[in-house]
Amino acid sequence: MKKIIKKEKRIGKIKHYFGKIKVGVIKLTDTLSVGDEIMVKSKTEERFKQKVSSIEVDGKKLKKAKKGQIIGLKLKDKAREDYLVFKIWSL
């Protein structure tokens, strides 16, 4: 049986979280695309994982966001400022 190895790469940090609409504002340090799987971590532990269903910048939906952009991302769970965002994938 083959073991699945998960890789992760830090791609950003949460700058703000809007609780009522469950949207995180994330400053990207790498690219992110719709369909990517992400993991949100506090300083001490993994908080949750999810697939990226949509990315918005200034009210416009994008399929891919670039390094340096500040994006809005619908999150499945609560997040706080300074939580880290990682892109994860299987090898």
N, C-alpha and C. Protein backbone atom coordinates (compact mmCIF):
# COMPACT_ATOMS: atom_id res chain seq x y z
N MET A 1 0.84 -1.18 0.00
CA MET A 1 0.00 0.00 0.00
C MET A 1 0.88 1.24 0.00
N LYS A 2 0.59 2.14 -0.92
CA LYS A 2 1.37 3.35 -1.04
C LYS A 2 0.95 4.38 0.00
N LYS A 3 1.93 4.99 0.63
CA LYS A 3 1.62 6.03 1.62
C LYS A 3 1.51 7.37 0.89
N ILE A 4 0.47 8.12 1.21
CA ILE A 4 0.29 9.44 0.61
C ILE A 4 1.08 10.46 1.43
N ILE A 5 1.94 11.17 0.75
CA ILE A 5 2.73 12.19 1.43
C ILE A 5 2.15 13.56 1.07
N LYS A 6 1.84 14.33 2.10
CA LYS A 6 1.30 15.67 1.89
C LYS A 6 2.44 16.67 2.00
N LYS A 7 2.49 17.59 1.05
CA LYS A 7 3.46 18.69 1.09
C LYS A 7 2.69 19.95 1.42
N GLU A 8 3.37 20.90 2.04
CA GLU A 8 2.74 22.17 2.32
C GLU A 8 3.73 23.30 2.09
N LYS A 9 3.19 24.44 1.67
CA LYS A 9 4.00 25.62 1.41
C LYS A 9 3.24 26.84 1.91
N ARG A 10 3.89 27.65 2.72
CA ARG A 10 3.23 28.86 3.21
C ARG A 10 3.02 29.82 2.06
N ILE A 11 1.77 30.29 1.93
CA ILE A 11 1.46 31.18 0.80
C ILE A 11 0.85 32.50 1.25
N GLY A 12 0.67 32.69 2.56
CA GLY A 12 0.11 33.96 2.98
C GLY A 12 -0.25 34.02 4.45
N LYS A 13 -0.80 35.18 4.80
CA LYS A 13 -1.18 35.45 6.19
C LYS A 13 -2.52 36.17 6.19
N ILE A 14 -3.37 35.82 7.14
CA ILE A 14 -4.67 36.47 7.26
C ILE A 14 -4.48 37.84 7.88
N LYS A 15 -4.97 38.87 7.19
CA LYS A 15 -4.86 40.25 7.65
C LYS A 15 -6.12 40.70 8.38
N HIS A 16 -7.26 40.11 8.01
CA HIS A 16 -8.54 40.46 8.64
C HIS A 16 -9.53 39.33 8.40
N TYR A 17 -10.49 39.19 9.30
CA TYR A 17 -11.53 38.18 9.12
C TYR A 17 -12.88 38.82 9.39
N PHE A 18 -13.79 38.68 8.43
CA PHE A 18 -15.16 39.18 8.57
C PHE A 18 -16.04 38.01 9.00
N GLY A 19 -16.39 37.96 10.29
CA GLY A 19 -17.10 36.84 10.87
C GLY A 19 -18.49 36.59 10.30
N LYS A 20 -19.26 37.67 10.06
CA LYS A 20 -20.64 37.48 9.59
C LYS A 20 -20.69 36.83 8.21
N ILE A 21 -19.75 37.20 7.34
CA ILE A 21 -19.77 36.64 5.98
C ILE A 21 -18.70 35.54 5.78
N LYS A 22 -17.94 35.26 6.84
CA LYS A 22 -16.90 34.22 6.84
C LYS A 22 -15.90 34.38 5.71
N VAL A 23 -15.37 35.59 5.58
CA VAL A 23 -14.38 35.89 4.55
C VAL A 23 -13.08 36.35 5.20
N GLY A 24 -11.99 35.76 4.77
CA GLY A 24 -10.68 36.18 5.23
C GLY A 24 -10.01 37.05 4.19
N VAL A 25 -9.32 38.09 4.65
CA VAL A 25 -8.51 38.93 3.78
C VAL A 25 -7.08 38.44 3.94
N ILE A 26 -6.50 37.99 2.84
CA ILE A 26 -5.20 37.32 2.89
C ILE A 26 -4.20 38.05 2.01
N LYS A 27 -3.03 38.33 2.58
CA LYS A 27 -1.91 38.89 1.81
C LYS A 27 -1.09 37.70 1.33
N LEU A 28 -1.00 37.54 0.01
CA LEU A 28 -0.32 36.37 -0.57
C LEU A 28 1.18 36.57 -0.71
N THR A 29 1.93 35.52 -0.40
CA THR A 29 3.37 35.50 -0.63
C THR A 29 3.72 34.51 -1.75
N ASP A 30 2.68 33.93 -2.36
CA ASP A 30 2.84 33.00 -3.49
C ASP A 30 1.50 32.95 -4.23
N THR A 31 1.43 32.23 -5.33
CA THR A 31 0.20 32.15 -6.11
C THR A 31 -0.83 31.23 -5.45
N LEU A 32 -2.09 31.46 -5.79
CA LEU A 32 -3.19 30.63 -5.30
C LEU A 32 -4.25 30.57 -6.39
N SER A 33 -4.79 29.38 -6.63
CA SER A 33 -5.79 29.19 -7.67
C SER A 33 -7.05 28.55 -7.11
N VAL A 34 -8.17 28.82 -7.79
CA VAL A 34 -9.42 28.13 -7.45
C VAL A 34 -9.17 26.64 -7.65
N GLY A 35 -9.61 25.83 -6.68
CA GLY A 35 -9.39 24.39 -6.73
C GLY A 35 -8.23 23.92 -5.87
N ASP A 36 -7.31 24.84 -5.51
CA ASP A 36 -6.21 24.47 -4.62
C ASP A 36 -6.75 24.09 -3.25
N GLU A 37 -6.01 23.25 -2.55
CA GLU A 37 -6.37 22.91 -1.17
C GLU A 37 -5.47 23.73 -0.25
N ILE A 38 -6.08 24.34 0.76
CA ILE A 38 -5.32 25.14 1.71
C ILE A 38 -5.52 24.63 3.13
N MET A 39 -4.59 25.01 3.99
CA MET A 39 -4.68 24.72 5.41
C MET A 39 -4.43 26.05 6.14
N VAL A 40 -5.26 26.34 7.13
CA VAL A 40 -5.10 27.54 7.93
C VAL A 40 -4.60 27.10 9.31
N LYS A 41 -3.52 27.75 9.76
CA LYS A 41 -2.90 27.39 11.03
C LYS A 41 -2.77 28.61 11.93
N SER A 42 -2.97 28.38 13.22
CA SER A 42 -2.59 29.41 14.19
C SER A 42 -1.10 29.22 14.45
N LYS A 43 -0.55 29.98 15.38
CA LYS A 43 0.88 29.82 15.68
C LYS A 43 1.18 28.45 16.28
N THR A 44 0.19 27.83 16.92
CA THR A 44 0.46 26.59 17.64
C THR A 44 -0.16 25.34 17.03
N GLU A 45 -1.19 25.50 16.16
CA GLU A 45 -1.85 24.29 15.66
C GLU A 45 -2.59 24.52 14.34
N GLU A 46 -2.84 23.40 13.66
CA GLU A 46 -3.66 23.43 12.45
C GLU A 46 -5.09 23.72 12.87
N ARG A 47 -5.75 24.62 12.17
CA ARG A 47 -7.12 24.97 12.49
C ARG A 47 -8.12 24.24 11.58
N PHE A 48 -7.91 24.33 10.25
CA PHE A 48 -8.79 23.63 9.31
C PHE A 48 -8.17 23.59 7.92
N LYS A 49 -8.73 22.68 7.09
CA LYS A 49 -8.34 22.55 5.67
C LYS A 49 -9.58 22.77 4.83
N GLN A 50 -9.38 23.26 3.60
CA GLN A 50 -10.50 23.41 2.67
C GLN A 50 -9.99 23.61 1.26
N LYS A 51 -10.89 23.37 0.30
CA LYS A 51 -10.60 23.68 -1.11
C LYS A 51 -10.99 25.12 -1.36
N VAL A 52 -10.23 25.80 -2.23
CA VAL A 52 -10.54 27.19 -2.60
C VAL A 52 -11.64 27.16 -3.64
N SER A 53 -12.80 27.74 -3.30
CA SER A 53 -13.93 27.73 -4.23
C SER A 53 -14.04 29.03 -5.03
N SER A 54 -13.55 30.13 -4.47
CA SER A 54 -13.53 31.39 -5.22
C SER A 54 -12.52 32.33 -4.60
N ILE A 55 -11.98 33.20 -5.44
CA ILE A 55 -11.01 34.22 -5.02
C ILE A 55 -11.54 35.55 -5.54
N GLU A 56 -11.53 36.57 -4.69
CA GLU A 56 -11.97 37.89 -5.11
C GLU A 56 -10.92 38.94 -4.79
N VAL A 57 -10.76 39.89 -5.71
CA VAL A 57 -9.91 41.06 -5.52
C VAL A 57 -10.73 42.26 -5.97
N ASP A 58 -10.95 43.20 -5.07
CA ASP A 58 -11.74 44.40 -5.37
C ASP A 58 -13.09 44.08 -6.00
N GLY A 59 -13.76 43.04 -5.48
CA GLY A 59 -15.09 42.67 -5.96
C GLY A 59 -15.12 41.87 -7.25
N LYS A 60 -13.95 41.59 -7.83
CA LYS A 60 -13.90 40.80 -9.07
C LYS A 60 -13.43 39.39 -8.75
N LYS A 61 -14.12 38.40 -9.34
CA LYS A 61 -13.72 37.00 -9.15
C LYS A 61 -12.54 36.68 -10.06
N LEU A 62 -11.57 35.97 -9.49
CA LEU A 62 -10.40 35.54 -10.24
C LEU A 62 -10.27 34.03 -10.17
N LYS A 63 -9.62 33.45 -11.18
CA LYS A 63 -9.31 32.01 -11.15
C LYS A 63 -7.96 31.78 -10.47
N LYS A 64 -7.08 32.80 -10.55
CA LYS A 64 -5.74 32.68 -9.98
C LYS A 64 -5.31 34.04 -9.45
N ALA A 65 -4.71 34.03 -8.26
CA ALA A 65 -4.17 35.25 -7.67
C ALA A 65 -2.65 35.13 -7.60
N LYS A 66 -1.97 36.28 -7.71
CA LYS A 66 -0.52 36.30 -7.76
C LYS A 66 0.10 36.72 -6.43
N LYS A 67 1.36 36.40 -6.29
CA LYS A 67 2.15 36.82 -5.13
C LYS A 67 2.02 38.34 -4.97
N GLY A 68 1.82 38.78 -3.73
CA GLY A 68 1.72 40.21 -3.44
C GLY A 68 0.31 40.75 -3.42
N GLN A 69 -0.64 40.01 -4.00
CA GLN A 69 -2.03 40.48 -4.01
C GLN A 69 -2.68 40.28 -2.64
N ILE A 70 -3.64 41.15 -2.35
CA ILE A 70 -4.47 41.00 -1.16
C ILE A 70 -5.83 40.53 -1.66
N ILE A 71 -6.24 39.35 -1.20
CA ILE A 71 -7.45 38.72 -1.74
C ILE A 71 -8.49 38.49 -0.64
N GLY A 72 -9.72 38.31 -1.09
CA GLY A 72 -10.80 37.87 -0.21
C GLY A 72 -11.09 36.41 -0.51
N LEU A 73 -11.24 35.62 0.55
CA LEU A 73 -11.44 34.18 0.40
C LEU A 73 -12.50 33.72 1.39
N LYS A 74 -13.53 33.05 0.88
CA LYS A 74 -14.56 32.47 1.74
C LYS A 74 -13.93 31.33 2.53
N LEU A 75 -14.07 31.37 3.86
CA LEU A 75 -13.47 30.35 4.72
C LEU A 75 -14.56 29.53 5.40
N LYS A 76 -14.30 28.24 5.59
CA LYS A 76 -15.31 27.35 6.17
C LYS A 76 -15.36 27.45 7.69
N ASP A 77 -14.36 28.07 8.30
CA ASP A 77 -14.31 28.16 9.75
C ASP A 77 -13.73 29.51 10.15
N LYS A 78 -13.81 29.82 11.45
CA LYS A 78 -13.30 31.09 11.95
C LYS A 78 -11.78 31.16 11.83
N ALA A 79 -11.29 32.36 11.57
CA ALA A 79 -9.86 32.61 11.52
C ALA A 79 -9.57 33.93 12.23
N ARG A 80 -8.34 34.12 12.59
CA ARG A 80 -7.94 35.36 13.25
C ARG A 80 -6.81 36.01 12.47
N GLU A 81 -6.61 37.31 12.72
CA GLU A 81 -5.48 37.99 12.11
C GLU A 81 -4.20 37.27 12.49
N ASP A 82 -3.28 37.21 11.57
CA ASP A 82 -1.97 36.58 11.73
C ASP A 82 -1.97 35.06 11.66
N TYR A 83 -3.14 34.41 11.45
CA TYR A 83 -3.11 32.99 11.14
C TYR A 83 -2.39 32.85 9.80
N LEU A 84 -1.69 31.74 9.63
CA LEU A 84 -0.93 31.50 8.40
C LEU A 84 -1.73 30.61 7.46
N VAL A 85 -1.54 30.82 6.17
CA VAL A 85 -2.24 30.04 5.14
C VAL A 85 -1.20 29.26 4.34
N PHE A 86 -1.44 27.96 4.21
CA PHE A 86 -0.53 27.07 3.48
C PHE A 86 -1.29 26.41 2.33
N LYS A 87 -0.62 26.24 1.20
CA LYS A 87 -1.15 25.44 0.11
C LYS A 87 -0.67 24.02 0.38
N ILE A 88 -1.56 23.02 0.24
CA ILE A 88 -1.16 21.64 0.47
C ILE A 88 -1.50 20.79 -0.75
N TRP A 89 -0.70 19.76 -0.97
CA TRP A 89 -0.94 18.84 -2.08
C TRP A 89 -0.30 17.50 -1.76
N SER A 90 -0.72 16.48 -2.48
CA SER A 90 -0.20 15.12 -2.29
C SER A 90 0.87 14.82 -3.31
N LEU A 91 1.83 14.04 -2.92
CA LEU A 91 2.88 13.59 -3.85
C LEU A 91 2.56 12.20 -4.36
